[in-house]
Amino acid sequence: LRPLAARGVPVVLDPVLAASVGGPLLDGADAAGALAPLLPLLALVTPNRAEAARLTGLTVDDLAGQRAAAEALRARGPGAALVKGGHLDGDEVVDLLLDGEGALPLRAPRLPGPTPHGTGCALSTEIACALALGEPLRRAVALARERLRARIAAARTVGKGRPFLGPP
């Protein structure tokens, strides 16, 4: 990552700490330690609520918790933190972006049905692509959220498991 960051390439990291079926990929303390050297190289880190909690040791149960976690993450070096709220309860999904301009809650009505596999990775990828095309961070996040919402709406279930995202 260091050569990319040194050339001004915006690096986005989705810190996947557990498989979507619940199995941990890294222990909490190990995860924070493993990611520590990467954080200063990032333009954006995009944890969900559980990942943000494990990385910061904070409780992330609401918008205030999202903001506290985003502040703690940003203090470790990335240019911005997007603490995703899709795993929080409620009729509305609220992601919290914290960048050099301040905190920006991004709200959308929750779509019906089970959450498809891979939404966090897909969102981070969409953001990285928009940044690579020259979009400013806030616009890249907004565009990525719109595209992900369309993919969630187009998700299909195969067999008895959770649905898979629709095509980009």
C-alpha atoms as a PDB file:
ATOM      1  CA  LEU A   1       0.000   0.000   0.000  1.00  0.00           C
ATOM      2  CA  ARG A   2       2.834   2.392   0.745  1.00  0.00           C
ATOM      3  CA  PRO A   3       3.846   2.826  -2.944  1.00  0.00           C
ATOM      4  CA  LEU A   4       0.235   3.527  -3.901  1.00  0.00           C
ATOM      5  CA  ALA A   5      -0.271   6.066  -1.134  1.00  0.00           C
ATOM      6  CA  ALA A   6       3.074   7.699  -1.965  1.00  0.00           C
ATOM      7  CA  ARG A   7       1.894   8.214  -5.557  1.00  0.00           C
ATOM      8  CA  GLY A   8      -1.330   9.830  -4.335  1.00  0.00           C
ATOM      9  CA  VAL A   9      -3.557   6.861  -5.147  1.00  0.00           C
ATOM     10  CA  PRO A  10      -6.503   6.943  -2.722  1.00  0.00           C
ATOM     11  CA  VAL A  11      -6.542   3.638  -0.855  1.00  0.00           C
ATOM     12  CA  VAL A  12      -9.836   2.379   0.614  1.00  0.00           C
ATOM     13  CA  LEU A  13      -9.856  -0.457   3.150  1.00  0.00           C
ATOM     14  CA  ASP A  14     -12.857  -2.460   4.300  1.00  0.00           C
ATOM     15  CA  PRO A  15     -11.534  -4.192   7.445  1.00  0.00           C
ATOM     16  CA  VAL A  16     -13.373  -7.501   7.165  1.00  0.00           C
ATOM     17  CA  LEU A  17     -12.806  -9.067  10.586  1.00  0.00           C
ATOM     18  CA  ALA A  18     -15.414 -11.824  10.427  1.00  0.00           C
ATOM     19  CA  ALA A  19     -17.016 -13.978   7.796  1.00  0.00           C
ATOM     20  CA  SER A  20     -20.632 -13.077   7.097  1.00  0.00           C
ATOM     21  CA  VAL A  21     -21.628 -16.398   8.681  1.00  0.00           C
ATOM     22  CA  GLY A  22     -20.080 -15.151  11.930  1.00  0.00           C
ATOM     23  CA  GLY A  23     -16.654 -16.768  12.157  1.00  0.00           C
ATOM     24  CA  PRO A  24     -13.864 -14.380  13.235  1.00  0.00           C
ATOM     25  CA  LEU A  25     -10.952 -13.849  10.869  1.00  0.00           C
ATOM     26  CA  LEU A  26      -8.821 -11.962  13.421  1.00  0.00           C
ATOM     27  CA  ASP A  27      -9.152 -11.545  17.185  1.00  0.00           C
ATOM     28  CA  GLY A  28     -10.046  -8.027  18.394  1.00  0.00           C
ATOM     29  CA  ALA A  29      -6.653  -6.937  19.753  1.00  0.00           C
ATOM     30  CA  ASP A  30      -4.839  -8.694  16.937  1.00  0.00           C
ATOM     31  CA  ALA A  31      -7.057  -6.945  14.377  1.00  0.00           C
ATOM     32  CA  ALA A  32      -6.324  -3.477  15.747  1.00  0.00           C
ATOM     33  CA  GLY A  33      -2.610  -4.240  15.847  1.00  0.00           C
ATOM     34  CA  ALA A  34      -2.551  -5.748  12.372  1.00  0.00           C
ATOM     35  CA  LEU A  35      -4.323  -2.749  10.850  1.00  0.00           C
ATOM     36  CA  ALA A  36      -2.406  -0.052  12.766  1.00  0.00           C
ATOM     37  CA  PRO A  37       0.454   0.325  10.245  1.00  0.00           C
ATOM     38  CA  LEU A  38      -2.016   0.462   7.336  1.00  0.00           C
ATOM     39  CA  LEU A  39      -4.321   3.170   8.694  1.00  0.00           C
ATOM     40  CA  PRO A  40      -2.019   6.160   7.972  1.00  0.00           C
ATOM     41  CA  LEU A  41      -1.801   5.049   4.329  1.00  0.00           C
ATOM     42  CA  LEU A  42      -5.554   5.091   3.772  1.00  0.00           C
ATOM     43  CA  ALA A  43      -7.785   7.676   2.201  1.00  0.00           C
ATOM     44  CA  LEU A  44     -10.749   5.884   3.788  1.00  0.00           C
ATOM     45  CA  VAL A  45     -11.465   3.018   6.175  1.00  0.00           C
ATOM     46  CA  THR A  46     -14.994   1.555   6.041  1.00  0.00           C
ATOM     47  CA  PRO A  47     -15.816  -0.657   9.052  1.00  0.00           C
ATOM     48  CA  ASN A  48     -19.305  -1.822   9.916  1.00  0.00           C
ATOM     49  CA  ARG A  49     -20.476  -1.337  13.500  1.00  0.00           C
ATOM     50  CA  ALA A  50     -18.982  -4.610  14.796  1.00  0.00           C
ATOM     51  CA  GLU A  51     -15.639  -3.989  13.081  1.00  0.00           C
ATOM     52  CA  ALA A  52     -15.519  -0.395  14.357  1.00  0.00           C
ATOM     53  CA  ALA A  53     -16.234  -1.642  17.881  1.00  0.00           C
ATOM     54  CA  ARG A  54     -13.525  -4.306  17.711  1.00  0.00           C
ATOM     55  CA  LEU A  55     -10.959  -1.901  16.275  1.00  0.00           C
ATOM     56  CA  THR A  56     -11.620   0.882  18.781  1.00  0.00           C
ATOM     57  CA  GLY A  57     -12.920  -0.892  21.889  1.00  0.00           C
ATOM     58  CA  LEU A  58     -15.954   1.413  21.820  1.00  0.00           C
ATOM     59  CA  THR A  59     -19.646   0.572  21.847  1.00  0.00           C
ATOM     60  CA  VAL A  60     -21.218   1.285  18.464  1.00  0.00           C
ATOM     61  CA  ASP A  61     -24.974   1.021  18.949  1.00  0.00           C
ATOM     62  CA  ASP A  62     -26.146   4.357  17.546  1.00  0.00           C
ATOM     63  CA  LEU A  63     -25.046   7.479  15.663  1.00  0.00           C
ATOM     64  CA  ALA A  64     -23.114   8.796  18.668  1.00  0.00           C
ATOM     65  CA  GLY A  65     -21.215   5.506  18.876  1.00  0.00           C
ATOM     66  CA  GLN A  66     -20.530   5.614  15.136  1.00  0.00           C
ATOM     67  CA  ARG A  67     -19.116   9.124  15.504  1.00  0.00           C
ATOM     68  CA  ALA A  68     -16.933   8.204  18.491  1.00  0.00           C
ATOM     69  CA  ALA A  69     -15.560   5.194  16.611  1.00  0.00           C
ATOM     70  CA  ALA A  70     -14.958   7.250  13.459  1.00  0.00           C
ATOM     71  CA  GLU A  71     -13.073   9.850  15.516  1.00  0.00           C
ATOM     72  CA  ALA A  72     -10.968   7.154  17.182  1.00  0.00           C
ATOM     73  CA  LEU A  73     -10.154   5.563  13.835  1.00  0.00           C
ATOM     74  CA  ARG A  74      -9.342   8.871  12.166  1.00  0.00           C
ATOM     75  CA  ALA A  75      -6.992   9.736  15.020  1.00  0.00           C
ATOM     76  CA  ARG A  76      -4.933   6.684  13.950  1.00  0.00           C
ATOM     77  CA  GLY A  77      -4.162   8.143  10.539  1.00  0.00           C
ATOM     78  CA  PRO A  78      -6.643   7.571   7.724  1.00  0.00           C
ATOM     79  CA  GLY A  79      -7.929  10.619   5.878  1.00  0.00           C
ATOM     80  CA  ALA A  80     -11.518   9.586   6.604  1.00  0.00           C
ATOM     81  CA  ALA A  81     -13.641   6.920   8.265  1.00  0.00           C
ATOM     82  CA  LEU A  82     -17.037   5.674   7.136  1.00  0.00           C
ATOM     83  CA  VAL A  83     -18.693   3.711   9.947  1.00  0.00           C
ATOM     84  CA  LYS A  84     -21.471   1.796   8.260  1.00  0.00           C
ATOM     85  CA  GLY A  85     -24.826   1.447   9.967  1.00  0.00           C
ATOM     86  CA  GLY A  86     -26.449  -1.359   8.037  1.00  0.00           C
ATOM     87  CA  HIS A  87     -26.140  -3.727  11.006  1.00  0.00           C
ATOM     88  CA  LEU A  88     -27.889  -1.303  13.376  1.00  0.00           C
ATOM     89  CA  ASP A  89     -31.606  -1.699  14.019  1.00  0.00           C
ATOM     90  CA  GLY A  90     -34.242   0.589  12.584  1.00  0.00           C
ATOM     91  CA  ASP A  91     -36.198   1.469   9.475  1.00  0.00           C
ATOM     92  CA  GLU A  92     -33.369   3.718   8.305  1.00  0.00           C
ATOM     93  CA  VAL A  93     -29.748   2.890   7.481  1.00  0.00           C
ATOM     94  CA  VAL A  94     -27.370   5.619   8.648  1.00  0.00           C
ATOM     95  CA  ASP A  95     -23.709   5.540   7.651  1.00  0.00           C
ATOM     96  CA  LEU A  96     -21.457   8.128   9.307  1.00  0.00           C
ATOM     97  CA  LEU A  97     -18.631   9.666   7.259  1.00  0.00           C
ATOM     98  CA  LEU A  98     -15.983  11.600   9.166  1.00  0.00           C
ATOM     99  CA  ASP A  99     -13.445  13.453   7.051  1.00  0.00           C
ATOM    100  CA  GLY A 100     -11.550  16.747   7.133  1.00  0.00           C
ATOM    101  CA  GLU A 101     -14.823  18.621   6.627  1.00  0.00           C
ATOM    102  CA  GLY A 102     -16.475  17.045   9.688  1.00  0.00           C
ATOM    103  CA  ALA A 103     -19.148  14.431  10.323  1.00  0.00           C
ATOM    104  CA  LEU A 104     -21.742  13.654   7.674  1.00  0.00           C
ATOM    105  CA  PRO A 105     -24.603  11.252   8.477  1.00  0.00           C
ATOM    106  CA  LEU A 106     -25.821   9.562   5.290  1.00  0.00           C
ATOM    107  CA  ARG A 107     -29.395   8.303   5.605  1.00  0.00           C
ATOM    108  CA  ALA A 108     -31.579   6.025   3.490  1.00  0.00           C
ATOM    109  CA  PRO A 109     -34.690   3.950   4.166  1.00  0.00           C
ATOM    110  CA  ARG A 110     -33.855   0.320   4.858  1.00  0.00           C
ATOM    111  CA  LEU A 111     -34.778  -1.947   1.970  1.00  0.00           C
ATOM    112  CA  PRO A 112     -37.015  -4.923   2.806  1.00  0.00           C
ATOM    113  CA  GLY A 113     -35.720  -8.461   3.004  1.00  0.00           C
ATOM    114  CA  PRO A 114     -32.508 -10.050   4.215  1.00  0.00           C
ATOM    115  CA  THR A 115     -29.225  -8.268   3.650  1.00  0.00           C
ATOM    116  CA  PRO A 116     -27.275  -9.819   0.765  1.00  0.00           C
ATOM    117  CA  HIS A 117     -23.740 -11.173   1.072  1.00  0.00           C
ATOM    118  CA  GLY A 118     -20.884  -8.776   0.354  1.00  0.00           C
ATOM    119  CA  THR A 119     -22.478  -5.365   0.814  1.00  0.00           C
ATOM    120  CA  GLY A 120     -19.527  -3.933   2.752  1.00  0.00           C
ATOM    121  CA  CYS A 121     -16.946  -5.081   0.230  1.00  0.00           C
ATOM    122  CA  ALA A 122     -19.117  -3.904  -2.657  1.00  0.00           C
ATOM    123  CA  LEU A 123     -19.534  -0.454  -1.089  1.00  0.00           C
ATOM    124  CA  SER A 124     -15.795  -0.055  -0.522  1.00  0.00           C
ATOM    125  CA  THR A 125     -15.080  -1.153  -4.075  1.00  0.00           C
ATOM    126  CA  GLU A 126     -17.619   1.308  -5.479  1.00  0.00           C
ATOM    127  CA  ILE A 127     -16.050   4.122  -3.431  1.00  0.00           C
ATOM    128  CA  ALA A 128     -12.534   3.195  -4.577  1.00  0.00           C
ATOM    129  CA  CYS A 129     -13.671   3.157  -8.214  1.00  0.00           C
ATOM    130  CA  ALA A 130     -15.315   6.577  -7.915  1.00  0.00           C
ATOM    131  CA  LEU A 131     -12.176   7.981  -6.270  1.00  0.00           C
ATOM    132  CA  ALA A 132     -10.040   6.476  -9.038  1.00  0.00           C
ATOM    133  CA  LEU A 133     -12.219   8.311 -11.559  1.00  0.00           C
ATOM    134  CA  GLY A 134     -11.440  11.593  -9.789  1.00  0.00           C
ATOM    135  CA  GLU A 135     -14.575  12.090  -7.705  1.00  0.00           C
ATOM    136  CA  PRO A 136     -14.059  13.913  -4.399  1.00  0.00           C
ATOM    137  CA  LEU A 137     -14.522  11.699  -1.349  1.00  0.00           C
ATOM    138  CA  ARG A 138     -17.987  12.839  -0.290  1.00  0.00           C
ATOM    139  CA  ARG A 139     -19.328  12.524  -3.832  1.00  0.00           C
ATOM    140  CA  ALA A 140     -17.642   9.128  -4.242  1.00  0.00           C
ATOM    141  CA  VAL A 141     -19.327   7.869  -1.071  1.00  0.00           C
ATOM    142  CA  ALA A 142     -22.732   9.210  -2.163  1.00  0.00           C
ATOM    143  CA  LEU A 143     -22.425   7.637  -5.622  1.00  0.00           C
ATOM    144  CA  ALA A 144     -21.282   4.332  -4.145  1.00  0.00           C
ATOM    145  CA  ARG A 145     -24.204   4.240  -1.727  1.00  0.00           C
ATOM    146  CA  GLU A 146     -26.652   4.854  -4.586  1.00  0.00           C
ATOM    147  CA  ARG A 147     -25.123   2.075  -6.682  1.00  0.00           C
ATOM    148  CA  LEU A 148     -25.079  -0.343  -3.738  1.00  0.00           C
ATOM    149  CA  ARG A 149     -28.719   0.434  -2.971  1.00  0.00           C
ATOM    150  CA  ALA A 150     -29.642  -0.478  -6.556  1.00  0.00           C
ATOM    151  CA  ARG A 151     -27.648  -3.709  -6.290  1.00  0.00           C
ATOM    152  CA  ILE A 152     -29.350  -4.632  -2.996  1.00  0.00           C
ATOM    153  CA  ALA A 153     -32.754  -3.995  -4.601  1.00  0.00           C
ATOM    154  CA  ALA A 154     -31.734  -6.314  -7.463  1.00  0.00           C
ATOM    155  CA  ALA A 155     -30.370  -9.051  -5.160  1.00  0.00           C
ATOM    156  CA  ARG A 156     -31.403 -12.633  -5.826  1.00  0.00           C
ATOM    157  CA  THR A 157     -31.540 -15.661  -3.565  1.00  0.00           C
ATOM    158  CA  VAL A 158     -29.982 -18.882  -4.759  1.00  0.00           C
ATOM    159  CA  GLY A 159     -30.985 -21.922  -2.746  1.00  0.00           C
ATOM    160  CA  LYS A 160     -31.732 -21.432   0.943  1.00  0.00           C
ATOM    161  CA  GLY A 161     -29.002 -18.939   1.869  1.00  0.00           C
ATOM    162  CA  ARG A 162     -28.815 -15.180   1.966  1.00  0.00           C
ATOM    163  CA  PRO A 163     -29.283 -13.317  -1.321  1.00  0.00           C
ATOM    164  CA  PHE A 164     -26.410 -12.255  -3.561  1.00  0.00           C
ATOM    165  CA  LEU A 165     -26.074  -8.692  -4.806  1.00  0.00           C
ATOM    166  CA  GLY A 166     -27.467  -7.834  -8.203  1.00  0.00           C
ATOM    167  CA  PRO A 167     -25.118  -6.794 -11.026  1.00  0.00           C
ATOM    168  CA  PRO A 168     -23.327  -3.456 -10.829  1.00  0.00           C
END
